[in-house]
Amino acid sequence: MIYTCTLNPSIDYVVEVDQLELGELNRARKTAFYPGGKGINVSRVLTRLGVPTTAFGFAGGFTGDYIMHALKEEGIDTKFTTVDEPTRVNVKVKSSVETEINGNGSIVSKEQEQPFS
């Protein structure tokens, strides 16, 4: 069993457009949502290689619930500590160049940090 830690996970919302026009209405050609974060990415690769893994860290709100549900659907065990604020969303706009807008991470209280002390 390999444990991976993602202290600041995210939902990566990927939007593909033909040509991004700033200040204009842009229509997405394709969209997708993925659990994101370095440790989560490692757990996803390990699972695809057949290695048992558990992802842990901090997650909150409906976005944290989505991440845990999506990982379980992929066969990844999770042990996230629940925080009060929603887990962040990162927006990845793919066009002729890729643009990223990363959300702010959740605030973690001292009490919520205790399992990691």
PDB file of N, CA and C in Angstrom:
ATOM      1  N   MET A   1       0.850  -1.183   0.000  1.00  0.00           N
ATOM      2  CA  MET A   1       0.000   0.000   0.000  1.00  0.00           C
ATOM      3  C   MET A   1       0.887   1.235   0.000  1.00  0.00           C
ATOM      4  N   ILE A   2       0.602   2.151  -0.906  1.00  0.00           N
ATOM      5  CA  ILE A   2       1.313   3.430  -0.949  1.00  0.00           C
ATOM      6  C   ILE A   2       0.315   4.538  -0.648  1.00  0.00           C
ATOM      7  N   TYR A   3       0.668   5.383   0.317  1.00  0.00           N
ATOM      8  CA  TYR A   3      -0.165   6.524   0.681  1.00  0.00           C
ATOM      9  C   TYR A   3       0.362   7.762  -0.027  1.00  0.00           C
ATOM     10  N   THR A   4      -0.545   8.556  -0.571  1.00  0.00           N
ATOM     11  CA  THR A   4      -0.159   9.823  -1.186  1.00  0.00           C
ATOM     12  C   THR A   4      -0.883  10.951  -0.486  1.00  0.00           C
ATOM     13  N   CYS A   5      -0.197  12.067  -0.312  1.00  0.00           N
ATOM     14  CA  CYS A   5      -0.754  13.211   0.406  1.00  0.00           C
ATOM     15  C   CYS A   5      -0.932  14.387  -0.550  1.00  0.00           C
ATOM     16  N   THR A   6      -2.138  14.917  -0.582  1.00  0.00           N
ATOM     17  CA  THR A   6      -2.430  16.122  -1.348  1.00  0.00           C
ATOM     18  C   THR A   6      -3.047  17.120  -0.374  1.00  0.00           C
ATOM     19  N   LEU A   7      -2.238  18.040   0.114  1.00  0.00           N
ATOM     20  CA  LEU A   7      -2.711  18.993   1.116  1.00  0.00           C
ATOM     21  C   LEU A   7      -3.662  20.022   0.513  1.00  0.00           C
ATOM     22  N   ASN A   8      -3.533  20.304  -0.768  1.00  0.00           N
ATOM     23  CA  ASN A   8      -4.352  21.330  -1.411  1.00  0.00           C
ATOM     24  C   ASN A   8      -4.930  20.769  -2.717  1.00  0.00           C
ATOM     25  N   PRO A   9      -5.850  19.791  -2.616  1.00  0.00           N
ATOM     26  CA  PRO A   9      -6.400  19.181  -3.828  1.00  0.00           C
ATOM     27  C   PRO A   9      -7.286  20.172  -4.582  1.00  0.00           C
ATOM     28  N   SER A  10      -7.731  19.764  -5.753  1.00  0.00           N
ATOM     29  CA  SER A  10      -8.582  20.627  -6.556  1.00  0.00           C
ATOM     30  C   SER A  10      -9.460  19.784  -7.466  1.00  0.00           C
ATOM     31  N   ILE A  11     -10.460  20.431  -7.993  1.00  0.00           N
ATOM     32  CA  ILE A  11     -11.138  19.912  -9.174  1.00  0.00           C
ATOM     33  C   ILE A  11     -10.546  20.697 -10.331  1.00  0.00           C
ATOM     34  N   ASP A  12      -9.981  20.005 -11.297  1.00  0.00           N
ATOM     35  CA  ASP A  12      -9.485  20.665 -12.498  1.00  0.00           C
ATOM     36  C   ASP A  12     -10.608  20.658 -13.529  1.00  0.00           C
ATOM     37  N   TYR A  13     -11.093  21.853 -13.844  1.00  0.00           N
ATOM     38  CA  TYR A  13     -12.162  22.036 -14.830  1.00  0.00           C
ATOM     39  C   TYR A  13     -11.477  22.440 -16.128  1.00  0.00           C
ATOM     40  N   VAL A  14     -11.478  21.535 -17.096  1.00  0.00           N
ATOM     41  CA  VAL A  14     -10.783  21.750 -18.358  1.00  0.00           C
ATOM     42  C   VAL A  14     -11.810  22.169 -19.407  1.00  0.00           C
ATOM     43  N   VAL A  15     -11.548  23.317 -20.031  1.00  0.00           N
ATOM     44  CA  VAL A  15     -12.436  23.870 -21.051  1.00  0.00           C
ATOM     45  C   VAL A  15     -11.630  24.026 -22.340  1.00  0.00           C
ATOM     46  N   GLU A  16     -12.110  23.405 -23.413  1.00  0.00           N
ATOM     47  CA  GLU A  16     -11.448  23.552 -24.708  1.00  0.00           C
ATOM     48  C   GLU A  16     -12.286  24.466 -25.590  1.00  0.00           C
ATOM     49  N   VAL A  17     -11.632  25.472 -26.157  1.00  0.00           N
ATOM     50  CA  VAL A  17     -12.275  26.388 -27.096  1.00  0.00           C
ATOM     51  C   VAL A  17     -11.424  26.453 -28.353  1.00  0.00           C
ATOM     52  N   ASP A  18     -12.070  26.751 -29.483  1.00  0.00           N
ATOM     53  CA  ASP A  18     -11.300  26.855 -30.737  1.00  0.00           C
ATOM     54  C   ASP A  18     -10.299  27.993 -30.659  1.00  0.00           C
ATOM     55  N   GLN A  19     -10.766  29.181 -30.297  1.00  0.00           N
ATOM     56  CA  GLN A  19      -9.904  30.348 -30.160  1.00  0.00           C
ATOM     57  C   GLN A  19     -10.449  31.213 -29.034  1.00  0.00           C
ATOM     58  N   LEU A  20      -9.668  31.406 -27.978  1.00  0.00           N
ATOM     59  CA  LEU A  20     -10.104  32.212 -26.847  1.00  0.00           C
ATOM     60  C   LEU A  20     -10.094  33.687 -27.241  1.00  0.00           C
ATOM     61  N   GLU A  21     -11.249  34.333 -27.104  1.00  0.00           N
ATOM     62  CA  GLU A  21     -11.384  35.760 -27.404  1.00  0.00           C
ATOM     63  C   GLU A  21     -11.681  36.482 -26.097  1.00  0.00           C
ATOM     64  N   LEU A  22     -10.691  37.194 -25.551  1.00  0.00           N
ATOM     65  CA  LEU A  22     -10.880  37.918 -24.306  1.00  0.00           C
ATOM     66  C   LEU A  22     -11.939  39.004 -24.476  1.00  0.00           C
ATOM     67  N   GLY A  23     -12.787  39.151 -23.480  1.00  0.00           N
ATOM     68  CA  GLY A  23     -13.840  40.158 -23.517  1.00  0.00           C
ATOM     69  C   GLY A  23     -15.039  39.784 -24.356  1.00  0.00           C
ATOM     70  N   GLU A  24     -15.061  38.558 -24.883  1.00  0.00           N
ATOM     71  CA  GLU A  24     -16.155  38.083 -25.731  1.00  0.00           C
ATOM     72  C   GLU A  24     -16.766  36.818 -25.141  1.00  0.00           C
ATOM     73  N   LEU A  25     -17.950  36.446 -25.618  1.00  0.00           N
ATOM     74  CA  LEU A  25     -18.560  35.174 -25.247  1.00  0.00           C
ATOM     75  C   LEU A  25     -17.847  34.066 -26.015  1.00  0.00           C
ATOM     76  N   ASN A  26     -17.329  33.086 -25.304  1.00  0.00           N
ATOM     77  CA  ASN A  26     -16.639  31.950 -25.914  1.00  0.00           C
ATOM     78  C   ASN A  26     -17.448  30.689 -25.656  1.00  0.00           C
ATOM     79  N   ARG A  27     -17.639  29.869 -26.651  1.00  0.00           N
ATOM     80  CA  ARG A  27     -18.355  28.603 -26.504  1.00  0.00           C
ATOM     81  C   ARG A  27     -17.349  27.464 -26.389  1.00  0.00           C
ATOM     82  N   ALA A  28     -17.554  26.635 -25.378  1.00  0.00           N
ATOM     83  CA  ALA A  28     -16.673  25.491 -25.178  1.00  0.00           C
ATOM     84  C   ALA A  28     -16.955  24.428 -26.233  1.00  0.00           C
ATOM     85  N   ARG A  29     -15.893  23.861 -26.759  1.00  0.00           N
ATOM     86  CA  ARG A  29     -16.000  22.729 -27.674  1.00  0.00           C
ATOM     87  C   ARG A  29     -16.109  21.434 -26.872  1.00  0.00           C
ATOM     88  N   LYS A  30     -15.428  21.431 -25.706  1.00  0.00           N
ATOM     89  CA  LYS A  30     -15.398  20.239 -24.863  1.00  0.00           C
ATOM     90  C   LYS A  30     -15.077  20.679 -23.441  1.00  0.00           C
ATOM     91  N   THR A  31     -15.677  20.011 -22.441  1.00  0.00           N
ATOM     92  CA  THR A  31     -15.366  20.291 -21.038  1.00  0.00           C
ATOM     93  C   THR A  31     -15.197  18.973 -20.292  1.00  0.00           C
ATOM     94  N   ALA A  32     -14.433  19.026 -19.203  1.00  0.00           N
ATOM     95  CA  ALA A  32     -14.247  17.838 -18.366  1.00  0.00           C
ATOM     96  C   ALA A  32     -13.846  18.277 -16.967  1.00  0.00           C
ATOM     97  N   PHE A  33     -14.156  17.431 -15.968  1.00  0.00           N
ATOM     98  CA  PHE A  33     -13.783  17.648 -14.572  1.00  0.00           C
ATOM     99  C   PHE A  33     -12.902  16.494 -14.125  1.00  0.00           C
ATOM    100  N   TYR A  34     -11.809  16.803 -13.420  1.00  0.00           N
ATOM    101  CA  TYR A  34     -10.904  15.770 -12.916  1.00  0.00           C
ATOM    102  C   TYR A  34     -10.468  16.113 -11.490  1.00  0.00           C
ATOM    103  N   PRO A  35     -10.317  15.106 -10.623  1.00  0.00           N
ATOM    104  CA  PRO A  35      -9.671  15.370  -9.339  1.00  0.00           C
ATOM    105  C   PRO A  35      -8.220  15.753  -9.615  1.00  0.00           C
ATOM    106  N   GLY A  36      -7.742  16.810  -8.962  1.00  0.00           N
ATOM    107  CA  GLY A  36      -6.390  17.274  -9.237  1.00  0.00           C
ATOM    108  C   GLY A  36      -5.551  17.433  -7.987  1.00  0.00           C
ATOM    109  N   GLY A  37      -4.260  17.501  -8.191  1.00  0.00           N
ATOM    110  CA  GLY A  37      -3.287  17.646  -7.116  1.00  0.00           C
ATOM    111  C   GLY A  37      -2.194  16.619  -7.316  1.00  0.00           C
ATOM    112  N   LYS A  38      -0.979  16.972  -6.956  1.00  0.00           N
ATOM    113  CA  LYS A  38       0.176  16.095  -7.213  1.00  0.00           C
ATOM    114  C   LYS A  38       0.009  14.691  -6.625  1.00  0.00           C
ATOM    115  N   GLY A  39      -0.349  14.599  -5.348  1.00  0.00           N
ATOM    116  CA  GLY A  39      -0.520  13.288  -4.716  1.00  0.00           C
ATOM    117  C   GLY A  39      -1.639  12.487  -5.352  1.00  0.00           C
ATOM    118  N   ILE A  40      -2.738  13.150  -5.675  1.00  0.00           N
ATOM    119  CA  ILE A  40      -3.858  12.474  -6.340  1.00  0.00           C
ATOM    120  C   ILE A  40      -3.408  11.926  -7.684  1.00  0.00           C
ATOM    121  N   ASN A  41      -2.629  12.718  -8.422  1.00  0.00           N
ATOM    122  CA  ASN A  41      -2.137  12.243  -9.720  1.00  0.00           C
ATOM    123  C   ASN A  41      -1.269  11.003  -9.559  1.00  0.00           C
ATOM    124  N   VAL A  42      -0.451  10.973  -8.511  1.00  0.00           N
ATOM    125  CA  VAL A  42       0.389   9.793  -8.254  1.00  0.00           C
ATOM    126  C   VAL A  42      -0.493   8.590  -7.939  1.00  0.00           C
ATOM    127  N   SER A  43      -1.515   8.771  -7.102  1.00  0.00           N
ATOM    128  CA  SER A  43      -2.431   7.665  -6.785  1.00  0.00           C
ATOM    129  C   SER A  43      -3.124   7.153  -8.038  1.00  0.00           C
ATOM    130  N   ARG A  44      -3.490   8.036  -8.936  1.00  0.00           N
ATOM    131  CA  ARG A  44      -4.165   7.615 -10.174  1.00  0.00           C
ATOM    132  C   ARG A  44      -3.239   6.749 -11.029  1.00  0.00           C
ATOM    133  N   VAL A  45      -1.974   7.154 -11.139  1.00  0.00           N
ATOM    134  CA  VAL A  45      -1.004   6.366 -11.920  1.00  0.00           C
ATOM    135  C   VAL A  45      -0.760   5.018 -11.243  1.00  0.00           C
ATOM    136  N   LEU A  46      -0.562   5.023  -9.921  1.00  0.00           N
ATOM    137  CA  LEU A  46      -0.332   3.764  -9.198  1.00  0.00           C
ATOM    138  C   LEU A  46      -1.494   2.796  -9.403  1.00  0.00           C
ATOM    139  N   THR A  47      -2.708   3.303  -9.331  1.00  0.00           N
ATOM    140  CA  THR A  47      -3.888   2.445  -9.522  1.00  0.00           C
ATOM    141  C   THR A  47      -3.889   1.839 -10.919  1.00  0.00           C
ATOM    142  N   ARG A  48      -3.545   2.636 -11.912  1.00  0.00           N
ATOM    143  CA  ARG A  48      -3.493   2.116 -13.294  1.00  0.00           C
ATOM    144  C   ARG A  48      -2.411   1.058 -13.458  1.00  0.00           C
ATOM    145  N   LEU A  49      -1.378   1.129 -12.611  1.00  0.00           N
ATOM    146  CA  LEU A  49      -0.305   0.125 -12.643  1.00  0.00           C
ATOM    147  C   LEU A  49      -0.613  -1.082 -11.755  1.00  0.00           C
ATOM    148  N   GLY A  50      -1.775  -1.058 -11.079  1.00  0.00           N
ATOM    149  CA  GLY A  50      -2.172  -2.180 -10.241  1.00  0.00           C
ATOM    150  C   GLY A  50      -1.608  -2.136  -8.831  1.00  0.00           C
ATOM    151  N   VAL A  51      -1.086  -0.986  -8.410  1.00  0.00           N
ATOM    152  CA  VAL A  51      -0.507  -0.847  -7.078  1.00  0.00           C
ATOM    153  C   VAL A  51      -1.559  -0.259  -6.138  1.00  0.00           C
ATOM    154  N   PRO A  52      -1.860  -0.927  -5.009  1.00  0.00           N
ATOM    155  CA  PRO A  52      -2.830  -0.376  -4.059  1.00  0.00           C
ATOM    156  C   PRO A  52      -2.354   0.960  -3.492  1.00  0.00           C
ATOM    157  N   THR A  53      -3.268   1.918  -3.397  1.00  0.00           N
ATOM    158  CA  THR A  53      -2.912   3.246  -2.919  1.00  0.00           C
ATOM    159  C   THR A  53      -4.088   3.873  -2.173  1.00  0.00           C
ATOM    160  N   THR A  54      -3.759   4.746  -1.239  1.00  0.00           N
ATOM    161  CA  THR A  54      -4.754   5.532  -0.520  1.00  0.00           C
ATOM    162  C   THR A  54      -4.340   6.988  -0.614  1.00  0.00           C
ATOM    163  N   ALA A  55      -5.271   7.833  -1.056  1.00  0.00           N
ATOM    164  CA  ALA A  55      -5.019   9.271  -1.140  1.00  0.00           C
ATOM    165  C   ALA A  55      -5.570   9.939   0.110  1.00  0.00           C
ATOM    166  N   PHE A  56      -4.777  10.826   0.712  1.00  0.00           N
ATOM    167  CA  PHE A  56      -5.276  11.569   1.861  1.00  0.00           C
ATOM    168  C   PHE A  56      -4.853  13.029   1.758  1.00  0.00           C
ATOM    169  N   GLY A  57      -5.435  13.851   2.608  1.00  0.00           N
ATOM    170  CA  GLY A  57      -5.172  15.280   2.612  1.00  0.00           C
ATOM    171  C   GLY A  57      -6.373  15.978   3.220  1.00  0.00           C
ATOM    172  N   PHE A  58      -6.695  17.163   2.717  1.00  0.00           N
ATOM    173  CA  PHE A  58      -7.818  17.952   3.211  1.00  0.00           C
ATOM    174  C   PHE A  58      -8.795  18.205   2.076  1.00  0.00           C
ATOM    175  N   ALA A  59     -10.093  18.060   2.352  1.00  0.00           N
ATOM    176  CA  ALA A  59     -11.120  18.302   1.334  1.00  0.00           C
ATOM    177  C   ALA A  59     -12.386  18.776   2.031  1.00  0.00           C
ATOM    178  N   GLY A  60     -13.137  19.635   1.357  1.00  0.00           N
ATOM    179  CA  GLY A  60     -14.357  20.142   1.967  1.00  0.00           C
ATOM    180  C   GLY A  60     -15.413  20.522   0.953  1.00  0.00           C
ATOM    181  N   GLY A  61     -16.634  20.617   1.422  1.00  0.00           N
ATOM    182  CA  GLY A  61     -17.757  21.062   0.604  1.00  0.00           C
ATOM    183  C   GLY A  61     -18.107  20.091  -0.507  1.00  0.00           C
ATOM    184  N   PHE A  62     -18.965  20.558  -1.415  1.00  0.00           N
ATOM    185  CA  PHE A  62     -19.409  19.698  -2.522  1.00  0.00           C
ATOM    186  C   PHE A  62     -18.256  19.356  -3.451  1.00  0.00           C
ATOM    187  N   THR A  63     -17.254  20.238  -3.545  1.00  0.00           N
ATOM    188  CA  THR A  63     -16.114  19.945  -4.408  1.00  0.00           C
ATOM    189  C   THR A  63     -15.236  18.849  -3.795  1.00  0.00           C
ATOM    190  N   GLY A  64     -15.079  18.871  -2.481  1.00  0.00           N
ATOM    191  CA  GLY A  64     -14.347  17.796  -1.808  1.00  0.00           C
ATOM    192  C   GLY A  64     -15.077  16.472  -1.931  1.00  0.00           C
ATOM    193  N   ASP A  65     -16.415  16.515  -1.798  1.00  0.00           N
ATOM    194  CA  ASP A  65     -17.215  15.300  -1.978  1.00  0.00           C
ATOM    195  C   ASP A  65     -17.041  14.734  -3.381  1.00  0.00           C
ATOM    196  N   TYR A  66     -17.018  15.622  -4.382  1.00  0.00           N
ATOM    197  CA  TYR A  66     -16.834  15.178  -5.764  1.00  0.00           C
ATOM    198  C   TYR A  66     -15.490  14.472  -5.930  1.00  0.00           C
ATOM    199  N   ILE A  67     -14.438  15.055  -5.371  1.00  0.00           N
ATOM    200  CA  ILE A  67     -13.104  14.464  -5.497  1.00  0.00           C
ATOM    201  C   ILE A  67     -13.082  13.066  -4.890  1.00  0.00           C
ATOM    202  N   MET A  68     -13.608  12.927  -3.671  1.00  0.00           N
ATOM    203  CA  MET A  68     -13.589  11.615  -3.008  1.00  0.00           C
ATOM    204  C   MET A  68     -14.423  10.597  -3.781  1.00  0.00           C
ATOM    205  N   HIS A  69     -15.577  11.018  -4.281  1.00  0.00           N
ATOM    206  CA  HIS A  69     -16.441  10.121  -5.053  1.00  0.00           C
ATOM    207  C   HIS A  69     -15.747   9.702  -6.359  1.00  0.00           C
ATOM    208  N   ALA A  70     -15.168  10.665  -7.063  1.00  0.00           N
ATOM    209  CA  ALA A  70     -14.508  10.363  -8.338  1.00  0.00           C
ATOM    210  C   ALA A  70     -13.328   9.418  -8.134  1.00  0.00           C
ATOM    211  N   LEU A  71     -12.560   9.610  -7.059  1.00  0.00           N
ATOM    212  CA  LEU A  71     -11.431   8.721  -6.801  1.00  0.00           C
ATOM    213  C   LEU A  71     -11.905   7.310  -6.471  1.00  0.00           C
ATOM    214  N   LYS A  72     -12.960   7.201  -5.678  1.00  0.00           N
ATOM    215  CA  LYS A  72     -13.500   5.869  -5.362  1.00  0.00           C
ATOM    216  C   LYS A  72     -13.986   5.173  -6.625  1.00  0.00           C
ATOM    217  N   GLU A  73     -14.577   5.944  -7.544  1.00  0.00           N
ATOM    218  CA  GLU A  73     -15.016   5.378  -8.832  1.00  0.00           C
ATOM    219  C   GLU A  73     -13.828   4.812  -9.613  1.00  0.00           C
ATOM    220  N   GLU A  74     -12.646   5.404  -9.416  1.00  0.00           N
ATOM    221  CA  GLU A  74     -11.432   4.930 -10.081  1.00  0.00           C
ATOM    222  C   GLU A  74     -10.745   3.809  -9.301  1.00  0.00           C
ATOM    223  N   GLY A  75     -11.318   3.421  -8.161  1.00  0.00           N
ATOM    224  CA  GLY A  75     -10.736   2.349  -7.365  1.00  0.00           C
ATOM    225  C   GLY A  75      -9.659   2.806  -6.406  1.00  0.00           C
ATOM    226  N   ILE A  76      -9.655   4.092  -6.075  1.00  0.00           N
ATOM    227  CA  ILE A  76      -8.652   4.647  -5.163  1.00  0.00           C
ATOM    228  C   ILE A  76      -9.294   4.870  -3.803  1.00  0.00           C
ATOM    229  N   ASP A  77      -8.702   4.280  -2.758  1.00  0.00           N
ATOM    230  CA  ASP A  77      -9.173   4.524  -1.398  1.00  0.00           C
ATOM    231  C   ASP A  77      -8.804   5.949  -1.005  1.00  0.00           C
ATOM    232  N   THR A  78      -9.650   6.564  -0.160  1.00  0.00           N
ATOM    233  CA  THR A  78      -9.372   7.923   0.305  1.00  0.00           C
ATOM    234  C   THR A  78      -9.512   8.008   1.816  1.00  0.00           C
ATOM    235  N   LYS A  79      -8.741   8.888   2.408  1.00  0.00           N
ATOM    236  CA  LYS A  79      -8.823   9.171   3.837  1.00  0.00           C
ATOM    237  C   LYS A  79      -8.605  10.674   4.034  1.00  0.00           C
ATOM    238  N   PHE A  80      -9.452  11.474   3.416  1.00  0.00           N
ATOM    239  CA  PHE A  80      -9.331  12.925   3.517  1.00  0.00           C
ATOM    240  C   PHE A  80      -9.924  13.419   4.827  1.00  0.00           C
ATOM    241  N   THR A  81      -9.286  14.420   5.409  1.00  0.00           N
ATOM    242  CA  THR A  81      -9.820  15.124   6.565  1.00  0.00           C
ATOM    243  C   THR A  81     -10.749  16.212   6.035  1.00  0.00           C
ATOM    244  N   THR A  82     -11.960  16.266   6.574  1.00  0.00           N
ATOM    245  CA  THR A  82     -12.941  17.246   6.113  1.00  0.00           C
ATOM    246  C   THR A  82     -12.641  18.615   6.712  1.00  0.00           C
ATOM    247  N   VAL A  83     -12.622  19.629   5.845  1.00  0.00           N
ATOM    248  CA  VAL A  83     -12.439  21.014   6.271  1.00  0.00           C
ATOM    249  C   VAL A  83     -13.732  21.778   6.012  1.00  0.00           C
ATOM    250  N   ASP A  84     -13.842  22.969   6.603  1.00  0.00           N
ATOM    251  CA  ASP A  84     -15.079  23.739   6.533  1.00  0.00           C
ATOM    252  C   ASP A  84     -15.333  24.377   5.172  1.00  0.00           C
ATOM    253  N   GLU A  85     -14.285  24.796   4.488  1.00  0.00           N
ATOM    254  CA  GLU A  85     -14.433  25.489   3.212  1.00  0.00           C
ATOM    255  C   GLU A  85     -14.410  24.497   2.049  1.00  0.00           C
ATOM    256  N   PRO A  86     -15.066  24.862   0.933  1.00  0.00           N
ATOM    257  CA  PRO A  86     -15.016  23.985  -0.236  1.00  0.00           C
ATOM    258  C   PRO A  86     -13.590  23.866  -0.783  1.00  0.00           C
ATOM    259  N   THR A  87     -13.281  22.710  -1.308  1.00  0.00           N
ATOM    260  CA  THR A  87     -12.013  22.495  -1.996  1.00  0.00           C
ATOM    261  C   THR A  87     -12.004  23.350  -3.264  1.00  0.00           C
ATOM    262  N   ARG A  88     -10.838  23.830  -3.633  1.00  0.00           N
ATOM    263  CA  ARG A  88     -10.706  24.769  -4.748  1.00  0.00           C
ATOM    264  C   ARG A  88     -11.023  24.142  -6.097  1.00  0.00           C
ATOM    265  N   VAL A  89     -11.316  25.015  -7.052  1.00  0.00           N
ATOM    266  CA  VAL A  89     -11.515  24.629  -8.444  1.00  0.00           C
ATOM    267  C   VAL A  89     -10.478  25.381  -9.267  1.00  0.00           C
ATOM    268  N   ASN A  90      -9.772  24.645 -10.118  1.00  0.00           N
ATOM    269  CA  ASN A  90      -8.822  25.243 -11.055  1.00  0.00           C
ATOM    270  C   ASN A  90      -9.429  25.162 -12.448  1.00  0.00           C
ATOM    271  N   VAL A  91      -9.335  26.250 -13.183  1.00  0.00           N
ATOM    272  CA  VAL A  91      -9.875  26.308 -14.543  1.00  0.00           C
ATOM    273  C   VAL A  91      -8.705  26.256 -15.515  1.00  0.00           C
ATOM    274  N   LYS A  92      -8.749  25.296 -16.426  1.00  0.00           N
ATOM    275  CA  LYS A  92      -7.715  25.144 -17.451  1.00  0.00           C
ATOM    276  C   LYS A  92      -8.379  25.411 -18.796  1.00  0.00           C
ATOM    277  N   VAL A  93      -7.982  26.488 -19.464  1.00  0.00           N
ATOM    278  CA  VAL A  93      -8.551  26.838 -20.762  1.00  0.00           C
ATOM    279  C   VAL A  93      -7.553  26.409 -21.827  1.00  0.00           C
ATOM    280  N   LYS A  94      -7.998  25.483 -22.678  1.00  0.00           N
ATOM    281  CA  LYS A  94      -7.133  24.982 -23.750  1.00  0.00           C
ATOM    282  C   LYS A  94      -7.604  25.563 -25.076  1.00  0.00           C
ATOM    283  N   SER A  95      -6.679  26.269 -25.731  1.00  0.00           N
ATOM    284  CA  SER A  95      -6.936  26.877 -27.026  1.00  0.00           C
ATOM    285  C   SER A  95      -5.620  26.803 -27.792  1.00  0.00           C
ATOM    286  N   SER A  96      -5.265  27.840 -28.530  1.00  0.00           N
ATOM    287  CA  SER A  96      -3.972  27.826 -29.209  1.00  0.00           C
ATOM    288  C   SER A  96      -2.833  27.829 -28.184  1.00  0.00           C
ATOM    289  N   VAL A  97      -3.093  28.396 -27.006  1.00  0.00           N
ATOM    290  CA  VAL A  97      -2.197  28.302 -25.856  1.00  0.00           C
ATOM    291  C   VAL A  97      -3.051  27.916 -24.655  1.00  0.00           C
ATOM    292  N   GLU A  98      -2.419  27.336 -23.639  1.00  0.00           N
ATOM    293  CA  GLU A  98      -3.164  26.941 -22.444  1.00  0.00           C
ATOM    294  C   GLU A  98      -3.065  28.034 -21.399  1.00  0.00           C
ATOM    295  N   THR A  99      -4.206  28.370 -20.800  1.00  0.00           N
ATOM    296  CA  THR A  99      -4.267  29.358 -19.737  1.00  0.00           C
ATOM    297  C   THR A  99      -4.852  28.684 -18.512  1.00  0.00           C
ATOM    298  N   GLU A 100      -4.264  28.941 -17.346  1.00  0.00           N
ATOM    299  CA  GLU A 100      -4.752  28.340 -16.106  1.00  0.00           C
ATOM    300  C   GLU A 100      -5.140  29.432 -15.121  1.00  0.00           C
ATOM    301  N   ILE A 101      -6.242  29.197 -14.427  1.00  0.00           N
ATOM    302  CA  ILE A 101      -6.667  30.048 -13.329  1.00  0.00           C
ATOM    303  C   ILE A 101      -6.860  29.119 -12.142  1.00  0.00           C
ATOM    304  N   ASN A 102      -5.981  29.217 -11.154  1.00  0.00           N
ATOM    305  CA  ASN A 102      -6.050  28.335  -9.993  1.00  0.00           C
ATOM    306  C   ASN A 102      -6.778  29.022  -8.843  1.00  0.00           C
ATOM    307  N   GLY A 103      -7.728  28.307  -8.255  1.00  0.00           N
ATOM    308  CA  GLY A 103      -8.469  28.824  -7.118  1.00  0.00           C
ATOM    309  C   GLY A 103      -7.627  28.817  -5.852  1.00  0.00           C
ATOM    310  N   ASN A 104      -8.105  29.553  -4.856  1.00  0.00           N
ATOM    311  CA  ASN A 104      -7.437  29.574  -3.553  1.00  0.00           C
ATOM    312  C   ASN A 104      -7.743  28.289  -2.801  1.00  0.00           C
ATOM    313  N   GLY A 105      -6.778  27.833  -2.034  1.00  0.00           N
ATOM    314  CA  GLY A 105      -6.976  26.652  -1.205  1.00  0.00           C
ATOM    315  C   GLY A 105      -7.806  26.954   0.024  1.00  0.00           C
ATOM    316  N   SER A 106      -8.297  25.917   0.649  1.00  0.00           N
ATOM    317  CA  SER A 106      -9.097  26.042   1.868  1.00  0.00           C
ATOM    318  C   SER A 106      -8.219  26.383   3.061  1.00  0.00           C
ATOM    319  N   ILE A 107      -8.808  27.055   4.023  1.00  0.00           N
ATOM    320  CA  ILE A 107      -8.125  27.294   5.292  1.00  0.00           C
ATOM    321  C   ILE A 107      -8.317  26.045   6.154  1.00  0.00           C
ATOM    322  N   VAL A 108      -7.234  25.583   6.756  1.00  0.00           N
ATOM    323  CA  VAL A 108      -7.272  24.395   7.601  1.00  0.00           C
ATOM    324  C   VAL A 108      -7.033  24.846   9.037  1.00  0.00           C
ATOM    325  N   SER A 109      -7.974  24.512   9.914  1.00  0.00           N
ATOM    326  CA  SER A 109      -7.839  24.907  11.322  1.00  0.00           C
ATOM    327  C   SER A 109      -6.803  24.033  12.026  1.00  0.00           C
ATOM    328  N   LYS A 110      -6.357  24.488  13.191  1.00  0.00           N
ATOM    329  CA  LYS A 110      -5.405  23.717  13.995  1.00  0.00           C
ATOM    330  C   LYS A 110      -5.979  22.353  14.373  1.00  0.00           C
ATOM    331  N   GLU A 111      -7.283  22.316  14.683  1.00  0.00           N
ATOM    332  CA  GLU A 111      -7.939  21.044  15.038  1.00  0.00           C
ATOM    333  C   GLU A 111      -7.934  20.071  13.862  1.00  0.00           C
ATOM    334  N   GLN A 112      -8.149  20.609  12.649  1.00  0.00           N
ATOM    335  CA  GLN A 112      -8.164  19.751  11.461  1.00  0.00           C
ATOM    336  C   GLN A 112      -6.766  19.262  11.101  1.00  0.00           C
ATOM    337  N   GLU A 113      -5.739  19.973  11.528  1.00  0.00           N
ATOM    338  CA  GLU A 113      -4.357  19.554  11.288  1.00  0.00           C
ATOM    339  C   GLU A 113      -3.941  18.399  12.191  1.00  0.00           C
ATOM    340  N   GLN A 114      -4.610  18.189  13.295  1.00  0.00           N
ATOM    341  CA  GLN A 114      -4.182  17.230  14.320  1.00  0.00           C
ATOM    342  C   GLN A 114      -3.896  15.825  13.810  1.00  0.00           C
ATOM    343  N   PRO A 115      -4.695  15.271  12.895  1.00  0.00           N
ATOM    344  CA  PRO A 115      -4.365  13.911  12.433  1.00  0.00           C
ATOM    345  C   PRO A 115      -2.996  13.823  11.773  1.00  0.00           C
ATOM    346  N   PHE A 116      -2.428  14.971  11.345  1.00  0.00           N
ATOM    347  CA  PHE A 116      -1.135  14.968  10.653  1.00  0.00           C
ATOM    348  C   PHE A 116       0.013  15.325  11.592  1.00  0.00           C
ATOM    349  N   SER A 117      -0.263  15.584  12.860  1.00  0.00           N
ATOM    350  CA  SER A 117       0.796  15.985  13.805  1.00  0.00           C
ATOM    351  C   SER A 117       1.494  14.777  14.398  1.00  0.00           C
TER     352      SER A 117
END
